[in-house]
């Protein structure tokens, strides 16, 4: 049994202002303008911390959430339902993995999941990001005519249920 007295520590609150977010023990400001989260992460990266997303406690609960989503909701606006928050700084970074910890609100954007997956694949291959203009509407593809049904010999098209 320990005779030491337990001193209750006050738990750190979530950042409410940009100044709170930029505290030296919370983020590291890189020369490229990224604000890399120094707090906890999801543990999915390598031993040196690359590739892991930062985590923060969801306000008012004991559950965690990605810190870049918290920062986007707090300082930019609500995230549309089903959208992902993308780190735009990954397109100019030599290695996009550390950008997963970036919490600079100017580097975050809400995009559809399919576009997020496409951008992830392009960034892994390391090309095409400088020329991408995300403000342009997607290319309209012509609608393909539906193929005629395959009929057995002696079968009529009216007899086939589609």
N, C-alpha and C. Protein backbone atom coordinates (compact mmCIF):
# COMPACT_ATOMS: atom_id res chain seq x y z
N UNK A 1 0.84 -1.19 0.00
CA UNK A 1 0.00 0.00 0.00
C UNK A 1 0.88 1.25 0.00
N UNK A 2 0.54 2.17 -0.84
CA UNK A 2 1.33 3.38 -0.99
C UNK A 2 0.88 4.43 0.02
N UNK A 3 1.86 5.09 0.64
CA UNK A 3 1.56 6.15 1.60
C UNK A 3 1.55 7.52 0.93
N UNK A 4 1.81 7.52 -0.39
CA UNK A 4 1.85 8.81 -1.08
C UNK A 4 0.44 9.39 -1.22
N UNK A 5 0.40 10.68 -1.13
CA UNK A 5 -0.85 11.39 -1.29
C UNK A 5 -1.11 11.62 -2.77
N UNK A 6 -2.29 11.30 -3.24
CA UNK A 6 -2.62 11.53 -4.64
C UNK A 6 -3.17 12.93 -4.78
N UNK A 7 -2.48 13.72 -5.58
CA UNK A 7 -2.91 15.09 -5.83
C UNK A 7 -3.74 15.09 -7.10
N UNK A 8 -4.99 15.54 -7.02
CA UNK A 8 -5.82 15.55 -8.24
C UNK A 8 -5.28 16.58 -9.24
N UNK A 9 -5.12 16.12 -10.47
CA UNK A 9 -4.67 17.01 -11.54
C UNK A 9 -5.87 17.52 -12.31
N UNK A 10 -5.79 18.77 -12.69
CA UNK A 10 -6.86 19.29 -13.52
C UNK A 10 -6.61 18.84 -14.95
N UNK A 11 -7.63 18.26 -15.55
CA UNK A 11 -7.49 17.78 -16.92
C UNK A 11 -7.43 18.93 -17.90
N UNK A 12 -6.60 18.76 -18.89
CA UNK A 12 -6.44 19.78 -19.92
C UNK A 12 -7.70 19.84 -20.78
N UNK A 13 -8.15 21.01 -21.08
CA UNK A 13 -9.36 21.18 -21.89
C UNK A 13 -9.00 21.23 -23.37
N UNK A 14 -9.98 20.99 -24.21
CA UNK A 14 -9.79 21.09 -25.64
C UNK A 14 -9.55 22.55 -26.02
N UNK A 15 -8.76 22.78 -27.05
CA UNK A 15 -8.51 24.17 -27.44
C UNK A 15 -9.78 24.84 -27.95
N UNK A 16 -10.06 26.02 -27.41
CA UNK A 16 -11.25 26.77 -27.79
C UNK A 16 -10.92 27.90 -28.75
N UNK A 17 -9.67 28.36 -28.74
CA UNK A 17 -9.25 29.44 -29.63
C UNK A 17 -8.00 28.99 -30.38
N UNK A 18 -7.66 29.73 -31.42
CA UNK A 18 -6.45 29.43 -32.17
C UNK A 18 -5.22 29.58 -31.28
N UNK A 19 -5.23 30.53 -30.35
CA UNK A 19 -4.11 30.72 -29.44
C UNK A 19 -3.93 29.49 -28.54
N UNK A 20 -5.06 28.91 -28.06
CA UNK A 20 -4.97 27.68 -27.27
C UNK A 20 -4.38 26.55 -28.10
N UNK A 21 -4.80 26.48 -29.36
CA UNK A 21 -4.32 25.42 -30.24
C UNK A 21 -2.82 25.56 -30.51
N UNK A 22 -2.34 26.78 -30.60
CA UNK A 22 -0.93 27.02 -30.94
C UNK A 22 -0.01 27.00 -29.73
N UNK A 23 -0.47 26.49 -28.59
CA UNK A 23 0.41 26.37 -27.44
C UNK A 23 1.61 25.50 -27.79
N UNK A 24 2.81 25.84 -27.29
CA UNK A 24 4.02 25.10 -27.69
C UNK A 24 4.00 23.61 -27.33
N UNK A 25 3.21 23.22 -26.36
CA UNK A 25 3.16 21.80 -26.01
C UNK A 25 2.05 21.07 -26.77
N UNK A 26 1.30 21.77 -27.63
CA UNK A 26 0.24 21.13 -28.41
C UNK A 26 0.63 20.92 -29.86
N UNK A 27 1.21 21.94 -30.48
CA UNK A 27 1.57 21.84 -31.90
C UNK A 27 2.99 22.32 -32.13
N UNK A 28 3.56 21.82 -33.23
CA UNK A 28 4.86 22.27 -33.70
C UNK A 28 4.63 22.89 -35.07
N UNK A 29 4.97 24.17 -35.22
CA UNK A 29 4.76 24.88 -36.48
C UNK A 29 5.97 24.62 -37.37
N UNK A 30 5.72 24.02 -38.53
CA UNK A 30 6.81 23.68 -39.45
C UNK A 30 7.08 24.85 -40.40
N UNK A 31 8.24 24.85 -41.06
CA UNK A 31 8.52 25.91 -42.04
C UNK A 31 7.53 25.93 -43.20
N UNK A 32 6.92 24.79 -43.51
CA UNK A 32 5.94 24.73 -44.59
C UNK A 32 4.57 25.24 -44.21
N UNK A 33 4.38 25.64 -42.95
CA UNK A 33 3.10 26.17 -42.52
C UNK A 33 2.20 25.17 -41.82
N UNK A 34 2.61 23.90 -41.75
CA UNK A 34 1.79 22.90 -41.05
C UNK A 34 1.91 23.08 -39.54
N UNK A 35 0.82 22.80 -38.84
CA UNK A 35 0.82 22.77 -37.39
C UNK A 35 0.68 21.31 -36.99
N UNK A 36 1.78 20.66 -36.68
CA UNK A 36 1.76 19.22 -36.38
C UNK A 36 1.38 18.99 -34.92
N UNK A 37 0.38 18.15 -34.70
CA UNK A 37 -0.16 17.83 -33.39
C UNK A 37 0.86 17.04 -32.60
N UNK A 38 1.15 17.48 -31.37
CA UNK A 38 2.11 16.79 -30.51
C UNK A 38 1.43 15.93 -29.46
N UNK A 39 0.11 15.95 -29.41
CA UNK A 39 -0.62 15.16 -28.44
C UNK A 39 -0.69 13.69 -28.85
N UNK A 40 -1.66 12.99 -28.31
CA UNK A 40 -1.80 11.57 -28.59
C UNK A 40 -2.18 11.30 -30.03
N UNK A 41 -1.94 10.05 -30.45
CA UNK A 41 -2.35 9.66 -31.80
C UNK A 41 -3.01 8.30 -31.74
N UNK A 42 -3.44 7.82 -32.92
CA UNK A 42 -4.19 6.56 -32.95
C UNK A 42 -3.29 5.33 -32.94
N UNK A 43 -1.97 5.51 -32.97
CA UNK A 43 -1.06 4.38 -32.86
C UNK A 43 -0.91 3.57 -34.13
N UNK A 44 -1.41 4.07 -35.26
CA UNK A 44 -1.34 3.29 -36.48
C UNK A 44 -0.07 3.56 -37.28
N UNK A 45 0.77 4.47 -36.81
CA UNK A 45 1.98 4.81 -37.54
C UNK A 45 3.15 3.95 -37.14
N UNK A 46 4.31 4.28 -37.69
CA UNK A 46 5.52 3.57 -37.36
C UNK A 46 6.02 4.01 -35.99
N UNK A 47 7.12 3.45 -35.54
CA UNK A 47 7.64 3.75 -34.20
C UNK A 47 8.01 5.21 -34.03
N UNK A 48 8.36 5.91 -35.13
CA UNK A 48 8.76 7.30 -35.02
C UNK A 48 7.59 8.25 -35.17
N UNK A 49 6.36 7.74 -35.26
CA UNK A 49 5.17 8.57 -35.25
C UNK A 49 4.66 8.98 -36.61
N UNK A 50 5.35 8.59 -37.68
CA UNK A 50 4.85 8.96 -39.00
C UNK A 50 3.62 8.13 -39.34
N UNK A 51 2.67 8.75 -39.97
CA UNK A 51 1.53 8.02 -40.48
C UNK A 51 0.37 7.87 -39.53
N UNK A 52 0.48 8.37 -38.31
CA UNK A 52 -0.62 8.23 -37.37
C UNK A 52 -1.41 9.53 -37.31
N UNK A 53 -2.73 9.42 -37.19
CA UNK A 53 -3.58 10.59 -37.05
C UNK A 53 -3.64 11.00 -35.59
N UNK A 54 -3.62 12.32 -35.31
CA UNK A 54 -3.73 12.81 -33.95
C UNK A 54 -5.12 12.56 -33.40
N UNK A 55 -5.20 12.37 -32.09
CA UNK A 55 -6.48 12.13 -31.40
C UNK A 55 -6.67 13.13 -30.28
N UNK A 56 -7.93 13.44 -30.00
CA UNK A 56 -8.30 14.34 -28.91
C UNK A 56 -9.60 13.83 -28.32
N UNK A 57 -9.85 14.12 -27.06
CA UNK A 57 -11.10 13.71 -26.44
C UNK A 57 -12.24 14.54 -27.02
N UNK A 58 -13.32 13.85 -27.37
CA UNK A 58 -14.52 14.53 -27.87
C UNK A 58 -15.07 15.37 -26.71
N UNK A 59 -15.39 16.65 -26.97
CA UNK A 59 -15.85 17.52 -25.88
C UNK A 59 -17.07 16.95 -25.15
N UNK A 60 -16.98 16.92 -23.83
CA UNK A 60 -18.10 16.47 -23.00
C UNK A 60 -18.22 14.97 -22.86
N UNK A 61 -17.29 14.21 -23.45
CA UNK A 61 -17.35 12.75 -23.35
C UNK A 61 -15.97 12.20 -23.00
N UNK A 62 -15.90 10.89 -22.89
CA UNK A 62 -14.61 10.24 -22.67
C UNK A 62 -14.18 9.48 -23.92
N UNK A 63 -14.77 9.80 -25.04
CA UNK A 63 -14.42 9.16 -26.31
C UNK A 63 -13.46 10.04 -27.10
N UNK A 64 -12.66 9.41 -27.94
CA UNK A 64 -11.70 10.17 -28.72
C UNK A 64 -12.21 10.39 -30.14
N UNK A 65 -11.65 11.40 -30.78
CA UNK A 65 -11.97 11.70 -32.18
C UNK A 65 -10.69 12.20 -32.84
N UNK A 66 -10.62 12.12 -34.17
CA UNK A 66 -9.45 12.67 -34.85
C UNK A 66 -9.35 14.18 -34.61
N UNK A 67 -8.15 14.63 -34.29
CA UNK A 67 -7.99 16.04 -33.93
C UNK A 67 -8.21 16.95 -35.13
N UNK A 68 -7.91 16.49 -36.34
CA UNK A 68 -8.12 17.36 -37.50
C UNK A 68 -9.62 17.58 -37.75
N UNK A 69 -10.46 16.59 -37.42
CA UNK A 69 -11.91 16.77 -37.55
C UNK A 69 -12.42 17.75 -36.48
N UNK A 70 -11.87 17.64 -35.25
CA UNK A 70 -12.26 18.57 -34.19
C UNK A 70 -11.91 20.00 -34.58
N UNK A 71 -10.69 20.21 -35.09
CA UNK A 71 -10.25 21.55 -35.47
C UNK A 71 -11.11 22.09 -36.61
N UNK A 72 -11.44 21.25 -37.59
CA UNK A 72 -12.28 21.71 -38.69
C UNK A 72 -13.64 22.14 -38.17
N UNK A 73 -14.27 21.31 -37.32
CA UNK A 73 -15.59 21.66 -36.79
C UNK A 73 -15.55 22.91 -35.92
N UNK A 74 -14.47 23.07 -35.15
CA UNK A 74 -14.37 24.18 -34.21
C UNK A 74 -14.04 25.50 -34.89
N UNK A 75 -13.12 25.49 -35.86
CA UNK A 75 -12.60 26.74 -36.40
C UNK A 75 -12.99 27.01 -37.85
N UNK A 76 -13.52 26.02 -38.57
CA UNK A 76 -13.90 26.24 -39.97
C UNK A 76 -15.42 26.19 -40.12
N UNK A 77 -16.03 25.10 -39.67
CA UNK A 77 -17.48 24.96 -39.79
C UNK A 77 -17.86 23.49 -39.71
N UNK A 78 -19.15 23.20 -39.82
CA UNK A 78 -19.58 21.81 -39.71
C UNK A 78 -19.12 20.99 -40.92
N UNK A 79 -18.87 19.72 -40.67
CA UNK A 79 -18.48 18.79 -41.73
C UNK A 79 -19.76 18.20 -42.30
N UNK A 80 -19.97 18.29 -43.62
CA UNK A 80 -21.18 17.69 -44.20
C UNK A 80 -21.23 16.19 -43.92
N UNK A 81 -22.45 15.68 -43.76
CA UNK A 81 -22.62 14.27 -43.42
C UNK A 81 -21.95 13.37 -44.46
N UNK A 82 -21.15 12.42 -44.01
CA UNK A 82 -20.49 11.47 -44.89
C UNK A 82 -19.21 11.96 -45.51
N UNK A 83 -18.82 13.21 -45.28
CA UNK A 83 -17.61 13.76 -45.87
C UNK A 83 -16.39 13.45 -45.00
N UNK A 84 -15.22 13.44 -45.63
CA UNK A 84 -13.94 13.29 -44.93
C UNK A 84 -13.27 14.65 -44.87
N UNK A 85 -12.38 14.81 -43.89
CA UNK A 85 -11.57 16.03 -43.82
C UNK A 85 -10.21 15.69 -44.40
N UNK A 86 -9.84 16.40 -45.46
CA UNK A 86 -8.61 16.14 -46.19
C UNK A 86 -7.55 17.16 -45.80
N UNK A 87 -6.30 16.69 -45.76
CA UNK A 87 -5.16 17.58 -45.51
C UNK A 87 -4.61 18.03 -46.86
N UNK A 88 -4.90 19.27 -47.24
CA UNK A 88 -4.43 19.78 -48.53
C UNK A 88 -2.92 19.91 -48.56
N UNK A 89 -2.28 20.05 -47.39
CA UNK A 89 -0.83 20.22 -47.34
C UNK A 89 -0.10 18.96 -47.81
N UNK A 90 -0.79 17.84 -47.92
CA UNK A 90 -0.13 16.61 -48.38
C UNK A 90 0.27 16.72 -49.84
N UNK A 91 -0.34 17.66 -50.59
CA UNK A 91 0.01 17.75 -52.00
C UNK A 91 1.33 18.47 -52.23
N UNK A 92 1.78 19.31 -51.29
CA UNK A 92 3.06 19.97 -51.50
C UNK A 92 4.14 19.44 -50.56
N UNK A 93 3.81 18.49 -49.72
CA UNK A 93 4.80 17.92 -48.81
C UNK A 93 5.60 16.83 -49.52
N UNK A 94 6.90 16.74 -49.25
CA UNK A 94 7.68 15.66 -49.87
C UNK A 94 7.22 14.27 -49.42
N UNK A 95 6.77 14.16 -48.18
CA UNK A 95 6.23 12.91 -47.66
C UNK A 95 4.88 13.23 -47.04
N UNK A 96 3.77 12.69 -47.59
CA UNK A 96 2.45 13.08 -47.08
C UNK A 96 2.10 12.48 -45.72
N UNK A 97 2.86 11.53 -45.21
CA UNK A 97 2.48 10.88 -43.94
C UNK A 97 2.49 11.81 -42.74
N UNK A 98 3.50 12.67 -42.55
CA UNK A 98 3.43 13.57 -41.38
C UNK A 98 2.28 14.55 -41.45
N UNK A 99 1.76 14.82 -42.64
CA UNK A 99 0.65 15.77 -42.79
C UNK A 99 -0.62 15.27 -42.12
N UNK A 100 -0.68 13.99 -41.80
CA UNK A 100 -1.87 13.47 -41.11
C UNK A 100 -2.05 14.09 -39.74
N UNK A 101 -0.97 14.65 -39.17
CA UNK A 101 -1.06 15.29 -37.86
C UNK A 101 -1.23 16.80 -37.98
N UNK A 102 -1.37 17.33 -39.20
CA UNK A 102 -1.52 18.77 -39.38
C UNK A 102 -2.91 19.22 -38.92
N UNK A 103 -2.93 20.27 -38.10
CA UNK A 103 -4.20 20.80 -37.59
C UNK A 103 -4.37 22.28 -37.96
N UNK A 104 -3.64 22.74 -38.97
CA UNK A 104 -3.81 24.11 -39.44
C UNK A 104 -5.16 24.20 -40.17
N UNK A 105 -6.10 25.02 -39.68
CA UNK A 105 -7.42 25.07 -40.33
C UNK A 105 -7.37 25.48 -41.80
N UNK A 106 -6.33 26.23 -42.20
CA UNK A 106 -6.20 26.63 -43.61
C UNK A 106 -5.78 25.46 -44.49
N UNK A 107 -5.27 24.39 -43.90
CA UNK A 107 -4.82 23.22 -44.67
C UNK A 107 -5.87 22.12 -44.72
N UNK A 108 -7.04 22.32 -44.12
CA UNK A 108 -8.06 21.28 -44.04
C UNK A 108 -9.24 21.63 -44.93
N UNK A 109 -9.82 20.63 -45.58
CA UNK A 109 -11.02 20.82 -46.39
C UNK A 109 -11.89 19.59 -46.29
N UNK A 110 -13.20 19.78 -46.35
CA UNK A 110 -14.15 18.66 -46.32
C UNK A 110 -14.43 18.24 -47.76
N UNK A 111 -14.21 16.96 -48.05
CA UNK A 111 -14.41 16.45 -49.41
C UNK A 111 -15.13 15.11 -49.34
N UNK A 112 -15.77 14.68 -50.44
CA UNK A 112 -16.44 13.37 -50.45
C UNK A 112 -15.41 12.24 -50.29
N UNK A 113 -15.82 11.12 -49.71
CA UNK A 113 -14.88 10.01 -49.47
C UNK A 113 -14.24 9.46 -50.74
N UNK A 114 -14.98 9.40 -51.84
CA UNK A 114 -14.41 8.87 -53.07
C UNK A 114 -13.27 9.75 -53.57
N UNK A 115 -13.45 11.06 -53.53
CA UNK A 115 -12.38 11.97 -53.93
C UNK A 115 -11.20 11.85 -52.99
N UNK A 116 -11.46 11.66 -51.70
CA UNK A 116 -10.38 11.50 -50.73
C UNK A 116 -9.55 10.27 -51.05
N UNK A 117 -10.18 9.17 -51.42
CA UNK A 117 -9.45 7.96 -51.78
C UNK A 117 -8.63 8.16 -53.05
N UNK A 118 -9.19 8.87 -54.02
CA UNK A 118 -8.46 9.13 -55.26
C UNK A 118 -7.24 10.01 -55.00
N UNK A 119 -7.41 11.03 -54.18
CA UNK A 119 -6.29 11.90 -53.85
C UNK A 119 -5.22 11.13 -53.09
N UNK A 120 -5.63 10.24 -52.20
CA UNK A 120 -4.67 9.45 -51.44
C UNK A 120 -3.81 8.60 -52.38
N UNK A 121 -4.44 7.97 -53.36
CA UNK A 121 -3.68 7.15 -54.30
C UNK A 121 -2.73 8.01 -55.14
N UNK A 122 -3.19 9.18 -55.58
CA UNK A 122 -2.31 10.07 -56.35
C UNK A 122 -1.12 10.53 -55.52
N UNK A 123 -1.38 10.86 -54.26
CA UNK A 123 -0.28 11.34 -53.40
C UNK A 123 0.72 10.24 -53.10
N UNK A 124 0.24 9.01 -52.96
CA UNK A 124 1.17 7.90 -52.74
C UNK A 124 2.10 7.71 -53.92
N UNK A 125 1.56 7.95 -55.13
CA UNK A 125 2.38 7.82 -56.33
C UNK A 125 3.23 9.06 -56.57
N UNK A 126 2.88 10.16 -55.89
CA UNK A 126 3.71 11.35 -55.93
C UNK A 126 3.62 12.17 -57.19
N UNK A 127 2.52 12.13 -57.89
CA UNK A 127 2.42 12.97 -59.08
C UNK A 127 1.01 13.52 -59.24
N UNK A 128 0.92 14.57 -60.05
CA UNK A 128 -0.37 15.11 -60.43
C UNK A 128 -1.01 16.07 -59.45
N UNK A 129 -0.39 16.34 -58.32
CA UNK A 129 -1.07 17.13 -57.32
C UNK A 129 -0.97 18.63 -57.60
N UNK A 130 0.11 19.08 -58.24
CA UNK A 130 0.25 20.51 -58.49
C UNK A 130 -0.78 20.99 -59.50
N UNK A 131 -1.12 20.13 -60.47
CA UNK A 131 -2.01 20.53 -61.55
C UNK A 131 -3.48 20.37 -61.20
N UNK A 132 -3.78 19.68 -60.10
CA UNK A 132 -5.18 19.43 -59.75
C UNK A 132 -5.86 20.72 -59.32
N UNK A 133 -7.03 20.98 -59.87
CA UNK A 133 -7.83 22.12 -59.44
C UNK A 133 -9.11 21.57 -58.84
N UNK A 134 -9.19 21.60 -57.51
CA UNK A 134 -10.32 20.99 -56.82
C UNK A 134 -11.58 21.84 -56.90
N UNK A 135 -11.46 23.08 -57.41
CA UNK A 135 -12.64 23.94 -57.53
C UNK A 135 -13.41 23.69 -58.82
N UNK A 136 -12.80 23.00 -59.78
CA UNK A 136 -13.49 22.72 -61.04
C UNK A 136 -14.54 21.64 -60.81
N UNK A 137 -15.67 21.72 -61.52
CA UNK A 137 -16.66 20.64 -61.39
C UNK A 137 -16.11 19.36 -62.03
N UNK A 138 -16.57 18.19 -61.58
CA UNK A 138 -16.07 16.95 -62.15
C UNK A 138 -16.45 16.83 -63.62
N UNK A 139 -15.68 16.06 -64.36
CA UNK A 139 -15.91 15.86 -65.78
C UNK A 139 -17.20 15.06 -65.96
N UNK A 140 -18.08 15.55 -66.82
CA UNK A 140 -19.33 14.84 -67.11
C UNK A 140 -19.04 13.69 -68.07
N UNK A 141 -19.45 12.52 -67.69
CA UNK A 141 -19.25 11.35 -68.55
C UNK A 141 -20.55 11.05 -69.27
N UNK A 142 -20.46 10.71 -70.57
CA UNK A 142 -21.70 10.39 -71.30
C UNK A 142 -22.31 9.10 -70.76
N UNK A 143 -23.63 9.06 -70.76
CA UNK A 143 -24.32 7.88 -70.26
C UNK A 143 -24.28 6.78 -71.32
N UNK A 144 -23.86 5.62 -70.91
CA UNK A 144 -23.73 4.49 -71.84
C UNK A 144 -25.10 3.85 -72.04
N UNK A 145 -25.44 3.48 -73.28
CA UNK A 145 -26.72 2.79 -73.49
C UNK A 145 -26.67 1.40 -72.87
N UNK A 146 -27.82 0.97 -72.38
CA UNK A 146 -27.84 -0.35 -71.76
C UNK A 146 -27.78 -1.42 -72.86
N UNK A 147 -27.05 -2.49 -72.61
CA UNK A 147 -26.91 -3.52 -73.64
C UNK A 147 -28.21 -4.30 -73.83
N UNK A 148 -28.37 -4.83 -75.02
CA UNK A 148 -29.56 -5.65 -75.30
C UNK A 148 -29.44 -6.96 -74.53
N UNK A 149 -30.55 -7.51 -74.04
CA UNK A 149 -30.47 -8.75 -73.28
C UNK A 149 -30.03 -9.92 -74.16
N UNK A 150 -29.30 -10.84 -73.54
CA UNK A 150 -28.89 -12.05 -74.26
C UNK A 150 -30.06 -13.03 -74.27
N UNK A 151 -30.42 -13.50 -75.47
CA UNK A 151 -31.58 -14.38 -75.62
C UNK A 151 -31.12 -15.76 -76.06
N UNK A 152 -31.78 -16.74 -75.53
CA UNK A 152 -31.52 -18.11 -75.96
C UNK A 152 -32.19 -18.32 -77.33
N UNK A 153 -31.76 -19.31 -78.09
CA UNK A 153 -32.39 -19.56 -79.39
C UNK A 153 -33.88 -19.83 -79.22
N UNK A 154 -34.71 -19.12 -80.01
CA UNK A 154 -36.15 -19.29 -79.95
C UNK A 154 -36.83 -18.44 -78.89
N UNK A 155 -36.09 -17.69 -78.11
CA UNK A 155 -36.67 -16.87 -77.05
C UNK A 155 -36.96 -15.47 -77.59
N UNK A 156 -38.08 -14.88 -77.14
CA UNK A 156 -38.42 -13.53 -77.56
C UNK A 156 -38.11 -12.54 -76.44
N UNK A 157 -37.88 -11.30 -76.84
CA UNK A 157 -37.53 -10.28 -75.85
C UNK A 157 -38.69 -10.00 -74.88
N UNK A 158 -39.96 -10.17 -75.37
CA UNK A 158 -41.12 -9.94 -74.48
C UNK A 158 -41.20 -10.99 -73.38
N UNK A 159 -40.61 -12.15 -73.57
CA UNK A 159 -40.68 -13.23 -72.58
C UNK A 159 -39.65 -13.09 -71.46
N UNK A 160 -38.69 -12.20 -71.65
CA UNK A 160 -37.61 -12.06 -70.68
C UNK A 160 -38.02 -11.01 -69.65
N UNK A 161 -37.89 -11.33 -68.36
CA UNK A 161 -38.19 -10.40 -67.29
C UNK A 161 -36.90 -9.71 -66.89
N UNK A 162 -36.87 -8.42 -66.95
CA UNK A 162 -35.66 -7.69 -66.55
C UNK A 162 -35.90 -6.89 -65.32
